[in-house]
C-alpha atoms as a PDB file:
ATOM      1  CA  MET A   1     -16.817   4.198  15.710  1.00  0.00           C
ATOM      2  CA  THR A   2     -19.284   5.099  18.425  1.00  0.00           C
ATOM      3  CA  SER A   3     -19.507   8.873  18.198  1.00  0.00           C
ATOM      4  CA  TYR A   4     -19.276  11.563  15.594  1.00  0.00           C
ATOM      5  CA  SER A   5     -18.270  15.198  15.385  1.00  0.00           C
ATOM      6  CA  SER A   6     -20.232  17.967  13.716  1.00  0.00           C
ATOM      7  CA  GLY A   7     -17.308  19.627  11.957  1.00  0.00           C
ATOM      8  CA  PRO A   8     -15.418  18.341   8.913  1.00  0.00           C
ATOM      9  CA  VAL A   9     -12.399  16.066   9.253  1.00  0.00           C
ATOM     10  CA  ILE A  10      -9.423  16.536   6.924  1.00  0.00           C
ATOM     11  CA  VAL A  11      -6.931  13.703   6.525  1.00  0.00           C
ATOM     12  CA  THR A  12      -3.973  12.885   4.289  1.00  0.00           C
ATOM     13  CA  GLY A  13      -3.899   9.424   2.789  1.00  0.00           C
ATOM     14  CA  MET A  14      -4.142   6.986  -0.102  1.00  0.00           C
ATOM     15  CA  VAL A  15      -7.174   5.112  -1.427  1.00  0.00           C
ATOM     16  CA  LEU A  16      -6.707   1.389  -0.837  1.00  0.00           C
ATOM     17  CA  SER A  17      -9.978   0.214  -2.365  1.00  0.00           C
ATOM     18  CA  SER A  18     -12.965   1.699  -4.144  1.00  0.00           C
ATOM     19  CA  THR A  19     -16.181  -0.240  -4.720  1.00  0.00           C
ATOM     20  CA  PRO A  20     -19.721   0.618  -5.843  1.00  0.00           C
ATOM     21  CA  ALA A  21     -22.234   1.426  -3.139  1.00  0.00           C
ATOM     22  CA  SER A  22     -25.742   1.768  -4.614  1.00  0.00           C
ATOM     23  CA  ASP A  23     -26.267   3.065  -8.136  1.00  0.00           C
ATOM     24  CA  TYR A  24     -24.134   6.202  -7.921  1.00  0.00           C
ATOM     25  CA  ASP A  25     -22.133   6.089  -4.683  1.00  0.00           C
ATOM     26  CA  ARG A  26     -18.735   4.680  -3.839  1.00  0.00           C
ATOM     27  CA  ARG A  27     -17.354   3.031  -0.731  1.00  0.00           C
ATOM     28  CA  VAL A  28     -13.666   3.791  -0.284  1.00  0.00           C
ATOM     29  CA  VAL A  29     -11.093   2.572   2.198  1.00  0.00           C
ATOM     30  CA  ILE A  30      -8.357   5.124   2.826  1.00  0.00           C
ATOM     31  CA  LEU A  31      -5.091   4.692   4.691  1.00  0.00           C
ATOM     32  CA  THR A  32      -4.452   7.960   6.522  1.00  0.00           C
ATOM     33  CA  THR A  33      -1.782   9.478   8.710  1.00  0.00           C
ATOM     34  CA  GLU A  34      -4.251  10.934  11.188  1.00  0.00           C
ATOM     35  CA  ARG A  35      -6.739   8.107  11.785  1.00  0.00           C
ATOM     36  CA  GLY A  36      -5.229   4.955  10.358  1.00  0.00           C
ATOM     37  CA  LYS A  37      -7.390   2.966   7.966  1.00  0.00           C
ATOM     38  CA  ILE A  38     -10.888   4.405   7.555  1.00  0.00           C
ATOM     39  CA  THR A  39     -13.999   3.686   5.496  1.00  0.00           C
ATOM     40  CA  ALA A  40     -15.867   6.502   3.780  1.00  0.00           C
ATOM     41  CA  PHE A  41     -18.827   6.816   1.438  1.00  0.00           C
ATOM     42  CA  ALA A  42     -18.723   9.245  -1.462  1.00  0.00           C
ATOM     43  CA  LYS A  43     -22.254  10.102  -2.530  1.00  0.00           C
ATOM     44  CA  GLY A  44     -22.728  10.534  -6.263  1.00  0.00           C
ATOM     45  CA  ALA A  45     -19.064   9.700  -6.980  1.00  0.00           C
ATOM     46  CA  ARG A  46     -20.019   7.336  -9.823  1.00  0.00           C
ATOM     47  CA  ARG A  47     -22.086   9.922 -11.678  1.00  0.00           C
ATOM     48  CA  PRO A  48     -20.448  11.265 -14.873  1.00  0.00           C
ATOM     49  CA  GLY A  49     -18.874  14.611 -14.132  1.00  0.00           C
ATOM     50  CA  SER A  50     -18.844  14.149 -10.362  1.00  0.00           C
ATOM     51  CA  ARG A  51     -16.057  16.096  -8.660  1.00  0.00           C
ATOM     52  CA  LEU A  52     -15.432  12.972  -6.569  1.00  0.00           C
ATOM     53  CA  LEU A  53     -15.134  10.590  -9.538  1.00  0.00           C
ATOM     54  CA  ALA A  54     -11.355  10.723 -10.122  1.00  0.00           C
ATOM     55  CA  GLY A  55     -10.490  11.403  -6.507  1.00  0.00           C
ATOM     56  CA  THR A  56     -11.987   8.143  -5.255  1.00  0.00           C
ATOM     57  CA  ASP A  57     -10.025   5.806  -7.547  1.00  0.00           C
ATOM     58  CA  GLN A  58      -7.507   3.386  -6.105  1.00  0.00           C
ATOM     59  CA  PHE A  59      -3.967   4.746  -5.636  1.00  0.00           C
ATOM     60  CA  VAL A  60      -5.117   8.368  -5.322  1.00  0.00           C
ATOM     61  CA  PHE A  61      -2.999  10.160  -2.759  1.00  0.00           C
ATOM     62  CA  GLY A  62      -3.954  13.521  -1.277  1.00  0.00           C
ATOM     63  CA  ARG A  63      -6.127  15.286   1.272  1.00  0.00           C
ATOM     64  CA  PHE A  64      -9.654  14.083   1.949  1.00  0.00           C
ATOM     65  CA  LYS A  65     -12.353  16.201   3.560  1.00  0.00           C
ATOM     66  CA  MET A  66     -15.227  14.357   5.210  1.00  0.00           C
ATOM     67  CA  PHE A  67     -17.753  14.285   7.993  1.00  0.00           C
ATOM     68  CA  GLU A  68     -17.626  11.601  10.657  1.00  0.00           C
ATOM     69  CA  GLY A  69     -20.735   9.490  11.023  1.00  0.00           C
ATOM     70  CA  LYS A  70     -21.702   6.769  13.494  1.00  0.00           C
ATOM     71  CA  SER A  71     -20.204   3.885  11.525  1.00  0.00           C
ATOM     72  CA  ALA A  72     -18.342   5.490   8.597  1.00  0.00           C
ATOM     73  CA  TYR A  73     -17.263   8.810   7.121  1.00  0.00           C
ATOM     74  CA  ASN A  74     -19.031  10.817   4.440  1.00  0.00           C
ATOM     75  CA  LEU A  75     -16.499  12.074   1.908  1.00  0.00           C
ATOM     76  CA  ILE A  76     -17.257  15.484   0.431  1.00  0.00           C
ATOM     77  CA  GLU A  77     -14.026  16.735  -1.138  1.00  0.00           C
ATOM     78  CA  VAL A  78     -10.704  15.402  -2.436  1.00  0.00           C
ATOM     79  CA  SER A  79      -7.571  17.428  -3.138  1.00  0.00           C
ATOM     80  CA  ALA A  80      -5.420  14.863  -4.940  1.00  0.00           C
ATOM     81  CA  SER A  81      -1.688  15.450  -5.206  1.00  0.00           C
ATOM     82  CA  LYS A  82      -0.877  12.163  -6.982  1.00  0.00           C
ATOM     83  CA  TYR A  83      -2.993   9.875  -9.161  1.00  0.00           C
ATOM     84  CA  PHE A  84      -0.253   7.499 -10.314  1.00  0.00           C
ATOM     85  CA  GLU A  85      -1.531   7.578 -13.898  1.00  0.00           C
ATOM     86  CA  GLU A  86       1.628   5.739 -14.987  1.00  0.00           C
ATOM     87  CA  LEU A  87       0.127   2.491 -13.701  1.00  0.00           C
ATOM     88  CA  ARG A  88      -2.706   2.690 -16.240  1.00  0.00           C
ATOM     89  CA  SER A  89      -0.314   1.980 -19.099  1.00  0.00           C
ATOM     90  CA  ASP A  90       1.758  -0.698 -17.347  1.00  0.00           C
ATOM     91  CA  TYR A  91      -0.254  -3.830 -16.577  1.00  0.00           C
ATOM     92  CA  GLU A  92       2.556  -5.532 -14.642  1.00  0.00           C
ATOM     93  CA  SER A  93       3.166  -2.566 -12.357  1.00  0.00           C
ATOM     94  CA  ALA A  94      -0.583  -2.037 -11.900  1.00  0.00           C
ATOM     95  CA  CYS A  95      -1.042  -5.635 -10.742  1.00  0.00           C
ATOM     96  CA  LEU A  96       1.815  -5.285  -8.281  1.00  0.00           C
ATOM     97  CA  GLY A  97       0.371  -2.003  -7.092  1.00  0.00           C
ATOM     98  CA  MET A  98      -2.975  -3.695  -6.427  1.00  0.00           C
ATOM     99  CA  TYR A  99      -1.136  -6.301  -4.385  1.00  0.00           C
ATOM    100  CA  PHE A 100       0.620  -3.560  -2.399  1.00  0.00           C
ATOM    101  CA  LEU A 101      -2.740  -1.954  -1.615  1.00  0.00           C
ATOM    102  CA  GLU A 102      -4.248  -5.265  -0.503  1.00  0.00           C
ATOM    103  CA  PHE A 103      -1.175  -6.020   1.610  1.00  0.00           C
ATOM    104  CA  ALA A 104      -1.479  -2.612   3.303  1.00  0.00           C
ATOM    105  CA  ASP A 105      -5.219  -3.145   3.826  1.00  0.00           C
ATOM    106  CA  TYR A 106      -4.459  -6.417   5.625  1.00  0.00           C
ATOM    107  CA  TYR A 107      -1.720  -4.929   7.779  1.00  0.00           C
ATOM    108  CA  THR A 108      -3.343  -1.688   8.961  1.00  0.00           C
ATOM    109  CA  ARG A 109      -6.070  -0.821  11.462  1.00  0.00           C
ATOM    110  CA  GLU A 110      -8.473   1.994  12.287  1.00  0.00           C
ATOM    111  CA  ASN A 111      -7.274   4.580  14.837  1.00  0.00           C
ATOM    112  CA  ASN A 112      -3.718   3.218  14.627  1.00  0.00           C
ATOM    113  CA  ASP A 113      -0.675   5.333  13.888  1.00  0.00           C
ATOM    114  CA  GLU A 114      -0.090   4.152  10.305  1.00  0.00           C
ATOM    115  CA  THR A 115       2.203   7.010   9.263  1.00  0.00           C
ATOM    116  CA  ALA A 116       5.134   4.693   8.560  1.00  0.00           C
ATOM    117  CA  MET A 117       3.029   2.217   6.602  1.00  0.00           C
ATOM    118  CA  LEU A 118       1.482   4.963   4.512  1.00  0.00           C
ATOM    119  CA  GLY A 119       4.918   6.368   3.759  1.00  0.00           C
ATOM    120  CA  LEU A 120       6.141   2.926   2.727  1.00  0.00           C
ATOM    121  CA  LEU A 121       3.135   2.353   0.506  1.00  0.00           C
ATOM    122  CA  TYR A 122       3.500   5.729  -1.189  1.00  0.00           C
ATOM    123  CA  GLN A 123       7.213   5.274  -1.874  1.00  0.00           C
ATOM    124  CA  SER A 124       6.693   1.709  -3.073  1.00  0.00           C
ATOM    125  CA  VAL A 125       4.000   2.669  -5.571  1.00  0.00           C
ATOM    126  CA  ARG A 126       6.282   5.454  -6.769  1.00  0.00           C
ATOM    127  CA  ALA A 127       9.021   2.872  -7.249  1.00  0.00           C
ATOM    128  CA  LEU A 128       6.738   0.812  -9.467  1.00  0.00           C
ATOM    129  CA  CYS A 129       6.502   3.798 -11.814  1.00  0.00           C
ATOM    130  CA  LYS A 130      10.268   3.912 -12.359  1.00  0.00           C
ATOM    131  CA  ASP A 131      11.569   1.979 -15.349  1.00  0.00           C
ATOM    132  CA  SER A 132      15.023   1.786 -13.783  1.00  0.00           C
ATOM    133  CA  LEU A 133      13.842  -0.472 -10.921  1.00  0.00           C
ATOM    134  CA  ASP A 134      13.145  -4.194 -11.125  1.00  0.00           C
ATOM    135  CA  ASN A 135       9.568  -4.736  -9.986  1.00  0.00           C
ATOM    136  CA  ARG A 136      10.511  -8.063  -8.448  1.00  0.00           C
ATOM    137  CA  LEU A 137      13.000  -6.273  -6.179  1.00  0.00           C
ATOM    138  CA  VAL A 138      10.431  -3.599  -5.311  1.00  0.00           C
ATOM    139  CA  ARG A 139       8.020  -6.307  -4.195  1.00  0.00           C
ATOM    140  CA  ALA A 140      10.586  -8.092  -2.005  1.00  0.00           C
ATOM    141  CA  VAL A 141      11.669  -4.826  -0.394  1.00  0.00           C
ATOM    142  CA  TYR A 142       8.081  -3.732   0.205  1.00  0.00           C
ATOM    143  CA  GLU A 143       7.084  -7.009   1.847  1.00  0.00           C
ATOM    144  CA  MET A 144      10.103  -7.141   4.147  1.00  0.00           C
ATOM    145  CA  LYS A 145       9.954  -3.449   5.078  1.00  0.00           C
ATOM    146  CA  ALA A 146       6.235  -3.755   5.866  1.00  0.00           C
ATOM    147  CA  MET A 147       7.096  -6.501   8.332  1.00  0.00           C
ATOM    148  CA  VAL A 148       9.818  -4.287   9.802  1.00  0.00           C
ATOM    149  CA  VAL A 149       7.386  -1.372  10.163  1.00  0.00           C
ATOM    150  CA  ASN A 150       4.912  -3.609  11.962  1.00  0.00           C
ATOM    151  CA  GLY A 151       7.537  -5.124  14.240  1.00  0.00           C
ATOM    152  CA  GLU A 152       7.214  -8.625  12.813  1.00  0.00           C
ATOM    153  CA  PHE A 153      10.458  -9.044  10.873  1.00  0.00           C
ATOM    154  CA  PRO A 154      12.917 -11.084  12.964  1.00  0.00           C
ATOM    155  CA  GLY A 155      15.848 -10.799  10.603  1.00  0.00           C
ATOM    156  CA  ILE A 156      17.697 -13.570   8.839  1.00  0.00           C
ATOM    157  CA  PRO A 157      16.774 -17.042  10.174  1.00  0.00           C
ATOM    158  CA  SER A 158      19.658 -18.847  11.818  1.00  0.00           C
ATOM    159  CA  ASP A 159      19.092 -21.901   9.639  1.00  0.00           C
ATOM    160  CA  ARG A 160      19.280 -20.006   6.327  1.00  0.00           C
ATOM    161  CA  LEU A 161      22.586 -19.192   4.674  1.00  0.00           C
ATOM    162  CA  LEU A 162      22.619 -15.991   2.650  1.00  0.00           C
ATOM    163  CA  SER A 163      25.421 -14.565   0.577  1.00  0.00           C
ATOM    164  CA  ASP A 164      27.203 -11.552   2.025  1.00  0.00           C
ATOM    165  CA  SER A 165      25.525  -9.324  -0.571  1.00  0.00           C
ATOM    166  CA  ALA A 166      22.038 -10.602   0.263  1.00  0.00           C
ATOM    167  CA  ALA A 167      22.657 -10.257   4.008  1.00  0.00           C
ATOM    168  CA  TYR A 168      23.843  -6.691   3.482  1.00  0.00           C
ATOM    169  CA  ALA A 169      20.707  -5.933   1.431  1.00  0.00           C
ATOM    170  CA  VAL A 170      18.485  -7.262   4.222  1.00  0.00           C
ATOM    171  CA  GLY A 171      20.258  -5.028   6.728  1.00  0.00           C
ATOM    172  CA  PHE A 172      19.856  -2.053   4.411  1.00  0.00           C
ATOM    173  CA  ILE A 173      16.117  -2.726   4.101  1.00  0.00           C
ATOM    174  CA  GLU A 174      15.745  -2.970   7.878  1.00  0.00           C
ATOM    175  CA  ARG A 175      17.560   0.239   8.823  1.00  0.00           C
ATOM    176  CA  THR A 176      16.960   2.606   5.890  1.00  0.00           C
ATOM    177  CA  PRO A 177      14.176   5.239   5.994  1.00  0.00           C
ATOM    178  CA  VAL A 178      11.439   4.585   3.437  1.00  0.00           C
ATOM    179  CA  GLU A 179      12.305   7.771   1.495  1.00  0.00           C
ATOM    180  CA  LYS A 180      15.729   6.282   0.602  1.00  0.00           C
ATOM    181  CA  LEU A 181      14.696   2.648   0.409  1.00  0.00           C
ATOM    182  CA  TYR A 182      14.568   2.171  -3.351  1.00  0.00           C
ATOM    183  CA  THR A 183      18.061   3.365  -4.168  1.00  0.00           C
ATOM    184  CA  PHE A 184      19.899   0.135  -4.835  1.00  0.00           C
ATOM    185  CA  ALA A 185      20.034  -2.725  -7.316  1.00  0.00           C
ATOM    186  CA  VAL A 186      21.194  -6.321  -6.937  1.00  0.00           C
ATOM    187  CA  THR A 187      22.291  -9.188  -9.139  1.00  0.00           C
ATOM    188  CA  ASP A 188      19.790 -11.838 -10.198  1.00  0.00           C
ATOM    189  CA  SER A 189      21.196 -14.342  -7.727  1.00  0.00           C
ATOM    190  CA  VAL A 190      20.887 -11.910  -4.805  1.00  0.00           C
ATOM    191  CA  LEU A 191      17.392 -11.000  -5.939  1.00  0.00           C
ATOM    192  CA  ASP A 192      16.423 -14.664  -5.830  1.00  0.00           C
ATOM    193  CA  GLU A 193      17.684 -14.853  -2.244  1.00  0.00           C
ATOM    194  CA  LEU A 194      15.708 -11.785  -1.206  1.00  0.00           C
ATOM    195  CA  ARG A 195      12.558 -13.038  -2.865  1.00  0.00           C
ATOM    196  CA  ASP A 196      12.876 -16.431  -1.196  1.00  0.00           C
ATOM    197  CA  LEU A 197      13.330 -14.781   2.186  1.00  0.00           C
ATOM    198  CA  ALA A 198      10.324 -12.518   1.678  1.00  0.00           C
ATOM    199  CA  ASP A 199       8.220 -15.517   0.644  1.00  0.00           C
ATOM    200  CA  TYR A 200       9.434 -17.472   3.657  1.00  0.00           C
ATOM    201  CA  TYR A 201       8.292 -14.825   6.128  1.00  0.00           C
ATOM    202  CA  ARG A 202       5.105 -13.880   4.318  1.00  0.00           C
ATOM    203  CA  GLY A 203       3.978 -17.484   4.469  1.00  0.00           C
ATOM    204  CA  ARG A 204       4.509 -17.552   8.229  1.00  0.00           C
ATOM    205  CA  ILE A 205       3.240 -14.109   9.159  1.00  0.00           C
ATOM    206  CA  ILE A 206       0.356 -13.385   6.792  1.00  0.00           C
ATOM    207  CA  ASP A 207      -2.510 -15.700   7.738  1.00  0.00           C
ATOM    208  CA  LYS A 208      -4.843 -14.567   4.960  1.00  0.00           C
ATOM    209  CA  ARG A 209      -4.813 -15.531   1.309  1.00  0.00           C
ATOM    210  CA  LEU A 210      -4.525 -12.237  -0.541  1.00  0.00           C
ATOM    211  CA  LYS A 211      -6.573 -12.288  -3.750  1.00  0.00           C
ATOM    212  CA  SER A 212      -3.995 -10.412  -5.807  1.00  0.00           C
ATOM    213  CA  LEU A 213      -1.100 -12.662  -4.756  1.00  0.00           C
ATOM    214  CA  GLN A 214      -1.903 -15.555  -7.091  1.00  0.00           C
ATOM    215  CA  LEU A 215      -2.087 -13.203 -10.075  1.00  0.00           C
ATOM    216  CA  ILE A 216       1.343 -11.708  -9.571  1.00  0.00           C
ATOM    217  CA  GLN A 217       2.820 -15.124  -8.842  1.00  0.00           C
ATOM    218  CA  ASP A 218       1.414 -16.397 -12.148  1.00  0.00           C
ATOM    219  CA  MET A 219       3.100 -13.425 -13.822  1.00  0.00           C
ATOM    220  CA  GLY A 220       6.467 -14.345 -12.297  1.00  0.00           C
ATOM    221  CA  LEU A 221       6.550 -11.278 -10.089  1.00  0.00           C
END
């Protein structure tokens, strides 16, 4: 970022990470529709009673008002529409959600059009809050669809044999809009095939060891 504007900037997005910055401030990374992935500082956000305290937590989705500085943004107001409080009472889903955020952080860039990735992330975190969905399936779908969104999913490898049901599920994941993505269930055997395929591609496409990955693998997710 080499220049800055004098007026406020308003973006829609989700908080990917939130870390302390000095005694009372927070540094947040937000995935936005308007400006891709951005970094902002929220002054006083860690003070008790701060109006920015809840709005700068991870997973918060909403509108963020800020001023653009030379190297980062200064966040001054958050109008949250979704906090995903359900994750606070479900450790398994929360851990998967953290992995989704880290995955999105890896895959996205500043000043990129990340509308599709933000939509996928939002719908995937919503899916984690639904008891009717298998979290293992949500993860496999999220990983494969993220690769589709970023143009890196080449389809089913020619040297891998999938059942007809698994092949159909892969095609559904590739062509279905994110808003309707989490509307199906599969048998355990098909789920195993989808998970293996997602693992196969993640190991070849993602060149960074994601910190949250080992935790969810240890949990069998």
